[in-house]
Structures are given as structure tokens and as C-alpha cells.
Amino acid sequence: MTQFEKNEINLPLTERKGKALQAESISETSIRELVYAFYDRIQKHPNLGPVFSERIPDWTPHLEKMCTFWSSATMRTGRYSGRPLPVHRGIPDLSAELYHEWLDLFYQTTSEVFTESDAAIFNAMATRMAQNMVHALDLGELRIPKGSGLDRA
């Protein structure tokens, strides 16, 4: 049985505490700024907004969970525990194109909040996670927007 069949995606950057990545502008405050700005854009997006708003009646817990997630991923705080694949597997209207749009908005937001090198860290992580989700959910081929950070991470 594969990790995808078990509804698991191992995100080693978020699974345990450890040494934080070398970063210039990443802090709990900047992560919070990223998460809140990004999901504000998501809510206003014509394609992504409805997917989220149909499932998130109260945004505060989701935003806090995302702050915890990105803190764990980038600062290695070890605070996040979750299993994102089962949640996403339960969304019938997901598509590779929606993940592309999600990444495009994410890249735009990281470029406004972080230095170029720190934005590349977030973008590379987000791109890898999106690739894993698209593969696990059998959604086809993910078009990766320009600015993925994969060449820098």
C-alpha cells in the first residue's frame, strides 16, 4: 500500500522539530502576514473562493492552522500536526488547474511579503506539496506557474 492509498502525504519539514531554514525575512509575524493576505485573495478569487467558502464557515481556525503549518515547515517549530490528504480527497471539485491558480496566487503573495530568497523557500515547498496532492488525488498534470522557487531551493 502506498502513502497515497493510506491517505498520507509525509511532509518531513512539518513532522518534527529541528533546525530552522536559513532565512532573512521569515518570522512568526511575516508568516501570519502571508497567510492572512493569501487567504484574503483566495476568498475573492472567482474560481478558488467558492471551493474554500463552501467548506470553511469560520476562517479563523483555518488561518491559525495555516500559520502553524507554515511555521512548522519553515521555522521547524514542530507545532503542526495534521493530515491534509484526507481533507482534500473529500473535495469533489478539485482540479489540477485549481492547484495552478492556488500556486499563482501564493507566489504573488510571497513575493510581496518576503525577500526573493525567502519567497523561493515558501514557493518551492508549496509547489512540491501541490505536486504531491495532484498526484495523490489523480488530478492529471500540474502546470507550475513561473516563480516556483524549485531552482533555488
Protein backbone atom coordinates (compact mmCIF):
# COMPACT_ATOMS: atom_id res chain seq x y z
CA MET A 1 0.00 0.00 0.00
CA THR A 2 1.42 3.41 -0.99
CA GLN A 3 1.38 6.54 1.14
CA PHE A 4 -1.35 7.91 -1.12
CA GLU A 5 -3.56 4.85 -0.63
CA LYS A 6 -3.17 5.28 3.14
CA ASN A 7 -4.29 8.93 2.83
CA GLU A 8 -0.92 10.15 3.96
CA ILE A 9 1.49 12.58 2.49
CA ASN A 10 4.65 12.78 4.51
CA LEU A 11 5.76 16.34 4.87
CA PRO A 12 9.07 15.87 6.66
CA LEU A 13 9.56 19.60 7.04
CA THR A 14 6.48 19.76 9.24
CA GLU A 15 6.66 16.47 11.06
CA ARG A 16 9.29 17.24 13.63
CA LYS A 17 11.21 19.96 15.33
CA GLY A 18 14.60 20.81 14.03
CA LYS A 19 16.93 23.48 12.81
CA ALA A 20 15.11 26.33 11.09
CA LEU A 21 15.94 27.08 7.50
CA GLN A 22 18.39 29.90 6.88
CA ALA A 23 16.15 32.87 6.16
CA GLU A 24 16.30 36.65 6.11
CA SER A 25 12.67 37.64 6.49
CA ILE A 26 10.83 34.60 7.84
CA SER A 27 9.29 35.07 11.27
CA GLU A 28 6.02 34.24 13.00
CA THR A 29 4.86 37.76 12.13
CA SER A 30 5.72 37.50 8.44
CA ILE A 31 4.14 34.05 8.22
CA ARG A 32 0.95 35.47 9.70
CA GLU A 33 1.06 38.33 7.19
CA LEU A 34 1.48 35.82 4.34
CA VAL A 35 -1.34 33.55 5.47
CA TYR A 36 -3.85 36.32 6.08
CA ALA A 37 -3.05 38.18 2.84
CA PHE A 38 -3.05 34.98 0.79
CA TYR A 39 -6.37 33.68 2.07
CA ASP A 40 -7.92 37.11 1.67
CA ARG A 41 -7.04 36.78 -2.02
CA ILE A 42 -8.36 33.21 -2.09
CA GLN A 43 -11.73 34.35 -0.75
CA LYS A 44 -12.00 36.96 -3.53
CA HIS A 45 -10.80 34.68 -6.33
CA PRO A 46 -13.59 33.73 -8.78
CA ASN A 47 -12.59 30.04 -9.01
CA LEU A 48 -10.89 29.33 -5.69
CA GLY A 49 -13.15 31.41 -3.46
CA PRO A 50 -16.23 29.19 -3.83
CA VAL A 51 -14.24 25.98 -3.25
CA PHE A 52 -13.00 27.31 0.07
CA SER A 53 -16.06 29.25 1.22
CA GLU A 54 -18.32 26.21 0.77
CA ARG A 55 -16.16 24.32 3.27
CA ILE A 56 -14.87 26.94 5.68
CA PRO A 57 -17.68 28.66 7.57
CA ASP A 58 -15.30 30.24 10.11
CA TRP A 59 -11.98 31.33 8.64
CA THR A 60 -10.16 32.00 11.92
CA PRO A 61 -9.38 28.35 12.82
CA HIS A 62 -8.26 27.64 9.24
CA LEU A 63 -5.98 30.68 9.16
CA GLU A 64 -4.45 29.77 12.50
CA LYS A 65 -3.87 26.19 11.32
CA MET A 66 -2.14 27.52 8.20
CA CYS A 67 0.06 29.82 10.31
CA THR A 68 1.03 26.82 12.42
CA PHE A 69 1.67 24.74 9.31
CA TRP A 70 3.98 27.29 7.68
CA SER A 71 5.76 27.95 10.97
CA SER A 72 6.47 24.24 11.24
CA ALA A 73 7.51 23.97 7.61
CA THR A 74 9.89 26.92 7.53
CA MET A 75 10.93 27.54 11.11
CA ARG A 76 10.78 23.88 12.15
CA THR A 77 8.71 24.66 15.24
CA GLY A 78 7.08 21.22 15.21
CA ARG A 79 3.70 22.71 16.15
CA TYR A 80 1.68 21.42 13.20
CA SER A 81 0.05 18.04 13.18
CA GLY A 82 -2.44 17.21 10.51
CA ARG A 83 -3.30 15.01 7.59
CA PRO A 84 -4.14 17.21 4.61
CA LEU A 85 -4.73 14.45 2.06
CA PRO A 86 -7.99 13.05 3.51
CA VAL A 87 -9.43 16.57 3.71
CA HIS A 88 -8.54 17.33 0.11
CA ARG A 89 -9.66 13.90 -1.08
CA GLY A 90 -13.15 14.80 0.14
CA ILE A 91 -13.44 17.84 -2.14
CA PRO A 92 -15.13 16.68 -5.35
CA ASP A 93 -14.49 19.78 -7.45
CA LEU A 94 -10.70 19.93 -7.16
CA SER A 95 -8.63 20.01 -10.33
CA ALA A 96 -5.01 20.45 -11.34
CA GLU A 97 -5.99 23.84 -12.77
CA LEU A 98 -7.27 24.99 -9.36
CA TYR A 99 -3.94 23.98 -7.84
CA HIS A 100 -2.20 26.00 -10.56
CA GLU A 101 -4.32 29.04 -9.69
CA TRP A 102 -3.67 28.47 -5.98
CA LEU A 103 0.08 28.40 -6.60
CA ASP A 104 -0.04 31.50 -8.78
CA LEU A 105 -1.78 33.48 -6.00
CA PHE A 106 0.62 32.04 -3.43
CA TYR A 107 3.69 33.12 -5.45
CA GLN A 108 2.25 36.61 -5.85
CA THR A 109 1.72 36.90 -2.11
CA THR A 110 5.09 35.50 -1.05
CA SER A 111 6.83 37.95 -3.39
CA GLU A 112 5.13 40.83 -1.58
CA VAL A 113 5.82 39.60 1.96
CA PHE A 114 9.32 38.09 1.79
CA THR A 115 12.70 38.73 0.30
CA GLU A 116 13.24 37.00 -3.02
CA SER A 117 15.26 34.18 -1.47
CA ASP A 118 12.75 33.58 1.33
CA ALA A 119 9.82 33.68 -1.10
CA ALA A 120 11.62 30.98 -3.09
CA ILE A 121 11.69 28.77 0.03
CA PHE A 122 7.93 29.07 0.50
CA ASN A 123 7.21 28.70 -3.21
CA ALA A 124 9.32 25.56 -3.56
CA MET A 125 7.60 23.96 -0.55
CA ALA A 126 4.13 24.91 -1.80
CA THR A 127 4.93 23.63 -5.29
CA ARG A 128 6.13 20.27 -4.00
CA MET A 129 3.06 19.92 -1.81
CA ALA A 130 0.76 20.80 -4.71
CA GLN A 131 2.54 18.28 -6.94
CA ASN A 132 2.07 15.60 -4.28
CA MET A 133 -1.61 16.45 -3.85
CA VAL A 134 -2.33 16.49 -7.59
CA HIS A 135 -0.59 13.14 -7.95
CA ALA A 136 -2.26 11.58 -4.90
CA LEU A 137 -5.69 12.78 -5.98
CA ASP A 138 -5.09 11.64 -9.56
CA LEU A 139 -5.96 15.06 -10.99
CA GLY A 140 -3.68 14.91 -14.01
CA GLU A 141 -0.74 17.15 -14.78
CA LEU A 142 0.01 20.25 -12.70
CA ARG A 143 1.14 23.30 -14.66
CA ILE A 144 3.63 25.06 -12.42
CA PRO A 145 3.48 28.85 -12.61
CA LYS A 146 6.62 30.88 -13.13
CA GLY A 147 8.32 31.60 -9.81
CA SER A 148 8.14 28.16 -8.23
CA GLY A 149 11.46 28.56 -6.44
CA LEU A 150 12.32 24.95 -7.23
CA ASP A 151 15.50 26.01 -8.98
CA ARG A 152 16.64 27.84 -5.82
CA ALA A 153 15.51 25.56 -3.01
